Every structure is written in structure tokens, then in C-alpha cells.
């Protein structure tokens, strides 16, 4: 699979709220970072994913734009969530690094104040 296909598979896994499938796309030494935290390795990433999914009733990660250079995939997304009982439509920029067929780094950037305003 190409880096783009790996990233699309990862984002698609979130729609099914399946922790095993989500974590399966990460390399053993992967890093997942977003304004909510920094998680390294399969144990930390799995724990964070499960915690996040426990609070998520629905997830649709809409890819608006996607760009690929070598092993780096950049995404502009709107993450549509039912999270903690609140409807959230978060605009997100994501950067993924892929080696082989695994994600070695995933960094998301978004304005947390927009999330807080929507959830109130």
C-alpha cells in the first residue's frame, strides 16, 4: 500500500470506532500527537485511542484535501464527531509519516477554542 492508502485506511478505521484496527496502522515506535497529548509506542497509543473512543459515539473524518510527498501525507479534514454527547465539527490539519506500510508519526493541529465553543 502507498502512504496515501495507509493514511486513508487509518482515517477510515476511526469511522468504525475499532481500536484494534486503528492501532494496527501504527509502527512499533510510532508517535501520535495532537493538542490533547503526545503518545509513543503501541501501549500508549492503544490506551489513548481506547480512552478517546470511550467518549465517542460517532466519528466521520472527512478529508477535504490531501497532499503526498514521498513518505509524508498532509491532510486537511473536518472531523465530525459525537463526543461526550456533543456534536463537534473540528477543522484539522494532519501530518503523517509512513515507513513501509505503517504510520511512524501522526501530528494533528487544530484550534481547541473552536472545539470548546461548539461543545458549550
C-alpha atoms as a PDB file:
ATOM      1  CA  UNK A   1       0.000   0.000   0.000  1.00  0.00           C
ATOM      2  CA  UNK A   2       1.121   3.547  -0.700  1.00  0.00           C
ATOM      3  CA  UNK A   3       1.495   6.155   2.079  1.00  0.00           C
ATOM      4  CA  UNK A   4      -1.779   7.736   0.928  1.00  0.00           C
ATOM      5  CA  UNK A   5      -3.600   4.397   1.094  1.00  0.00           C
ATOM      6  CA  UNK A   6      -2.208   3.716   4.594  1.00  0.00           C
ATOM      7  CA  UNK A   7      -3.407   7.119   5.843  1.00  0.00           C
ATOM      8  CA  UNK A   8      -6.825   6.758   4.224  1.00  0.00           C
ATOM      9  CA  UNK A   9      -7.166   3.299   5.816  1.00  0.00           C
ATOM     10  CA  UNK A  10      -6.270   4.769   9.228  1.00  0.00           C
ATOM     11  CA  UNK A  11      -8.774   7.601   8.929  1.00  0.00           C
ATOM     12  CA  UNK A  12     -11.425   5.202   7.706  1.00  0.00           C
ATOM     13  CA  UNK A  13     -10.826   2.912  10.710  1.00  0.00           C
ATOM     14  CA  UNK A  14     -11.933   5.736  13.017  1.00  0.00           C
ATOM     15  CA  UNK A  15     -15.369   5.715  11.363  1.00  0.00           C
ATOM     16  CA  UNK A  16     -15.850   2.166  12.688  1.00  0.00           C
ATOM     17  CA  UNK A  17     -14.659   3.077  16.222  1.00  0.00           C
ATOM     18  CA  UNK A  18     -12.488  -0.069  16.248  1.00  0.00           C
ATOM     19  CA  UNK A  19      -9.424   0.400  18.485  1.00  0.00           C
ATOM     20  CA  UNK A  20      -7.645  -2.712  17.198  1.00  0.00           C
ATOM     21  CA  UNK A  21      -8.000  -1.616  13.589  1.00  0.00           C
ATOM     22  CA  UNK A  22      -6.951   1.961  14.395  1.00  0.00           C
ATOM     23  CA  UNK A  23      -3.820   0.884  16.268  1.00  0.00           C
ATOM     24  CA  UNK A  24      -2.908  -1.729  13.636  1.00  0.00           C
ATOM     25  CA  UNK A  25      -1.761   1.019  11.251  1.00  0.00           C
ATOM     26  CA  UNK A  26       0.907   2.330  13.665  1.00  0.00           C
ATOM     27  CA  UNK A  27       4.559   1.191  13.728  1.00  0.00           C
ATOM     28  CA  UNK A  28       6.018  -0.148  16.996  1.00  0.00           C
ATOM     29  CA  UNK A  29       7.935   3.112  17.554  1.00  0.00           C
ATOM     30  CA  UNK A  30       5.160   5.434  16.342  1.00  0.00           C
ATOM     31  CA  UNK A  31       4.300   8.811  17.830  1.00  0.00           C
ATOM     32  CA  UNK A  32       0.753  10.233  17.864  1.00  0.00           C
ATOM     33  CA  UNK A  33       0.493  13.894  18.815  1.00  0.00           C
ATOM     34  CA  UNK A  34      -2.399  16.334  18.961  1.00  0.00           C
ATOM     35  CA  UNK A  35      -3.419  19.157  21.305  1.00  0.00           C
ATOM     36  CA  UNK A  36      -4.749  16.519  23.730  1.00  0.00           C
ATOM     37  CA  UNK A  37      -1.418  14.793  24.231  1.00  0.00           C
ATOM     38  CA  UNK A  38       1.681  13.042  22.956  1.00  0.00           C
ATOM     39  CA  UNK A  39       1.657   9.240  22.877  1.00  0.00           C
ATOM     40  CA  UNK A  40       4.571   6.985  21.939  1.00  0.00           C
ATOM     41  CA  UNK A  41       4.539   3.299  21.113  1.00  0.00           C
ATOM     42  CA  UNK A  42       1.701   0.816  20.833  1.00  0.00           C
ATOM     43  CA  UNK A  43       0.818   0.657  24.535  1.00  0.00           C
ATOM     44  CA  UNK A  44       0.406   4.415  24.987  1.00  0.00           C
ATOM     45  CA  UNK A  45      -1.323   4.857  21.626  1.00  0.00           C
ATOM     46  CA  UNK A  46      -3.783   1.997  22.291  1.00  0.00           C
ATOM     47  CA  UNK A  47      -4.595   3.382  25.751  1.00  0.00           C
ATOM     48  CA  UNK A  48      -5.189   6.874  24.318  1.00  0.00           C
ATOM     49  CA  UNK A  49      -7.305   5.546  21.428  1.00  0.00           C
ATOM     50  CA  UNK A  50      -9.457   3.452  23.779  1.00  0.00           C
ATOM     51  CA  UNK A  51      -9.953   6.424  26.101  1.00  0.00           C
ATOM     52  CA  UNK A  52     -10.936   8.633  23.202  1.00  0.00           C
ATOM     53  CA  UNK A  53     -13.288   6.026  21.724  1.00  0.00           C
ATOM     54  CA  UNK A  54     -14.990   5.516  25.103  1.00  0.00           C
ATOM     55  CA  UNK A  55     -16.172   9.117  24.808  1.00  0.00           C
ATOM     56  CA  UNK A  56     -17.065   8.936  21.095  1.00  0.00           C
ATOM     57  CA  UNK A  57     -20.445   7.764  19.798  1.00  0.00           C
ATOM     58  CA  UNK A  58     -19.928   8.697  16.150  1.00  0.00           C
ATOM     59  CA  UNK A  59     -16.894   9.631  14.068  1.00  0.00           C
ATOM     60  CA  UNK A  60     -16.636  10.683  10.421  1.00  0.00           C
ATOM     61  CA  UNK A  61     -13.255  12.052   9.374  1.00  0.00           C
ATOM     62  CA  UNK A  62     -13.949  13.971   6.156  1.00  0.00           C
ATOM     63  CA  UNK A  63     -10.848  14.519   4.025  1.00  0.00           C
ATOM     64  CA  UNK A  64     -11.100  17.924   2.331  1.00  0.00           C
ATOM     65  CA  UNK A  65      -7.598  17.977   0.803  1.00  0.00           C
ATOM     66  CA  UNK A  66      -4.715  15.536   0.824  1.00  0.00           C
ATOM     67  CA  UNK A  67      -1.127  16.004  -0.393  1.00  0.00           C
ATOM     68  CA  UNK A  68       1.686  13.472  -0.572  1.00  0.00           C
ATOM     69  CA  UNK A  69       5.444  13.964  -0.852  1.00  0.00           C
ATOM     70  CA  UNK A  70       7.494  10.802  -0.609  1.00  0.00           C
ATOM     71  CA  UNK A  71       6.507   9.244   2.734  1.00  0.00           C
ATOM     72  CA  UNK A  72       4.706  12.312   4.150  1.00  0.00           C
ATOM     73  CA  UNK A  73       0.939  12.721   3.825  1.00  0.00           C
ATOM     74  CA  UNK A  74      -0.734  16.016   4.736  1.00  0.00           C
ATOM     75  CA  UNK A  75      -4.475  16.132   5.322  1.00  0.00           C
ATOM     76  CA  UNK A  76      -6.964  18.929   5.690  1.00  0.00           C
ATOM     77  CA  UNK A  77     -10.014  17.437   7.363  1.00  0.00           C
ATOM     78  CA  UNK A  78     -13.260  18.136   9.083  1.00  0.00           C
ATOM     79  CA  UNK A  79     -13.642  15.654  11.915  1.00  0.00           C
ATOM     80  CA  UNK A  80     -17.374  15.198  12.536  1.00  0.00           C
ATOM     81  CA  UNK A  81     -17.849  13.677  15.979  1.00  0.00           C
ATOM     82  CA  UNK A  82     -20.452  12.932  18.589  1.00  0.00           C
ATOM     83  CA  UNK A  83     -18.047  13.279  21.523  1.00  0.00           C
ATOM     84  CA  UNK A  84     -19.101  13.457  25.173  1.00  0.00           C
ATOM     85  CA  UNK A  85     -22.679  13.804  23.942  1.00  0.00           C
ATOM     86  CA  UNK A  86     -21.836  16.901  21.883  1.00  0.00           C
ATOM     87  CA  UNK A  87     -21.761  17.314  18.115  1.00  0.00           C
ATOM     88  CA  UNK A  88     -18.316  18.533  17.063  1.00  0.00           C
ATOM     89  CA  UNK A  89     -17.182  19.579  13.591  1.00  0.00           C
ATOM     90  CA  UNK A  90     -13.465  20.229  14.045  1.00  0.00           C
ATOM     91  CA  UNK A  91     -11.292  21.624  11.251  1.00  0.00           C
ATOM     92  CA  UNK A  92      -7.987  19.761  11.436  1.00  0.00           C
ATOM     93  CA  UNK A  93      -4.633  19.734   9.654  1.00  0.00           C
ATOM     94  CA  UNK A  94      -2.763  16.471   9.971  1.00  0.00           C
ATOM     95  CA  UNK A  95       0.761  15.381   9.089  1.00  0.00           C
ATOM     96  CA  UNK A  96       1.534  11.674   8.752  1.00  0.00           C
ATOM     97  CA  UNK A  97       4.886   9.995   8.225  1.00  0.00           C
ATOM     98  CA  UNK A  98       4.786   6.478   6.805  1.00  0.00           C
ATOM     99  CA  UNK A  99       7.546   3.874   6.616  1.00  0.00           C
ATOM    100  CA  UNK A 100       6.846   0.612   4.888  1.00  0.00           C
ATOM    101  CA  UNK A 101       3.150   0.097   5.494  1.00  0.00           C
ATOM    102  CA  UNK A 102       2.968   1.659   8.967  1.00  0.00           C
ATOM    103  CA  UNK A 103       2.452   5.142  10.336  1.00  0.00           C
ATOM    104  CA  UNK A 104       5.549   6.244  12.267  1.00  0.00           C
ATOM    105  CA  UNK A 105       4.232   9.689  13.198  1.00  0.00           C
ATOM    106  CA  UNK A 106       0.826  11.380  13.198  1.00  0.00           C
ATOM    107  CA  UNK A 107       0.550  15.005  14.251  1.00  0.00           C
ATOM    108  CA  UNK A 108      -2.782  16.847  14.209  1.00  0.00           C
ATOM    109  CA  UNK A 109      -3.177  20.596  14.550  1.00  0.00           C
ATOM    110  CA  UNK A 110      -6.451  22.321  15.345  1.00  0.00           C
ATOM    111  CA  UNK A 111      -7.826  25.284  17.229  1.00  0.00           C
ATOM    112  CA  UNK A 112      -9.044  23.926  20.561  1.00  0.00           C
ATOM    113  CA  UNK A 113     -11.019  27.105  21.288  1.00  0.00           C
ATOM    114  CA  UNK A 114     -13.312  26.295  18.354  1.00  0.00           C
ATOM    115  CA  UNK A 115     -13.921  22.838  19.882  1.00  0.00           C
ATOM    116  CA  UNK A 116     -14.674  24.353  23.286  1.00  0.00           C
ATOM    117  CA  UNK A 117     -17.122  26.887  21.785  1.00  0.00           C
ATOM    118  CA  UNK A 118     -19.017  24.130  19.928  1.00  0.00           C
ATOM    119  CA  UNK A 119     -19.216  21.853  22.946  1.00  0.00           C
ATOM    120  CA  UNK A 120     -20.733  24.516  25.233  1.00  0.00           C
END
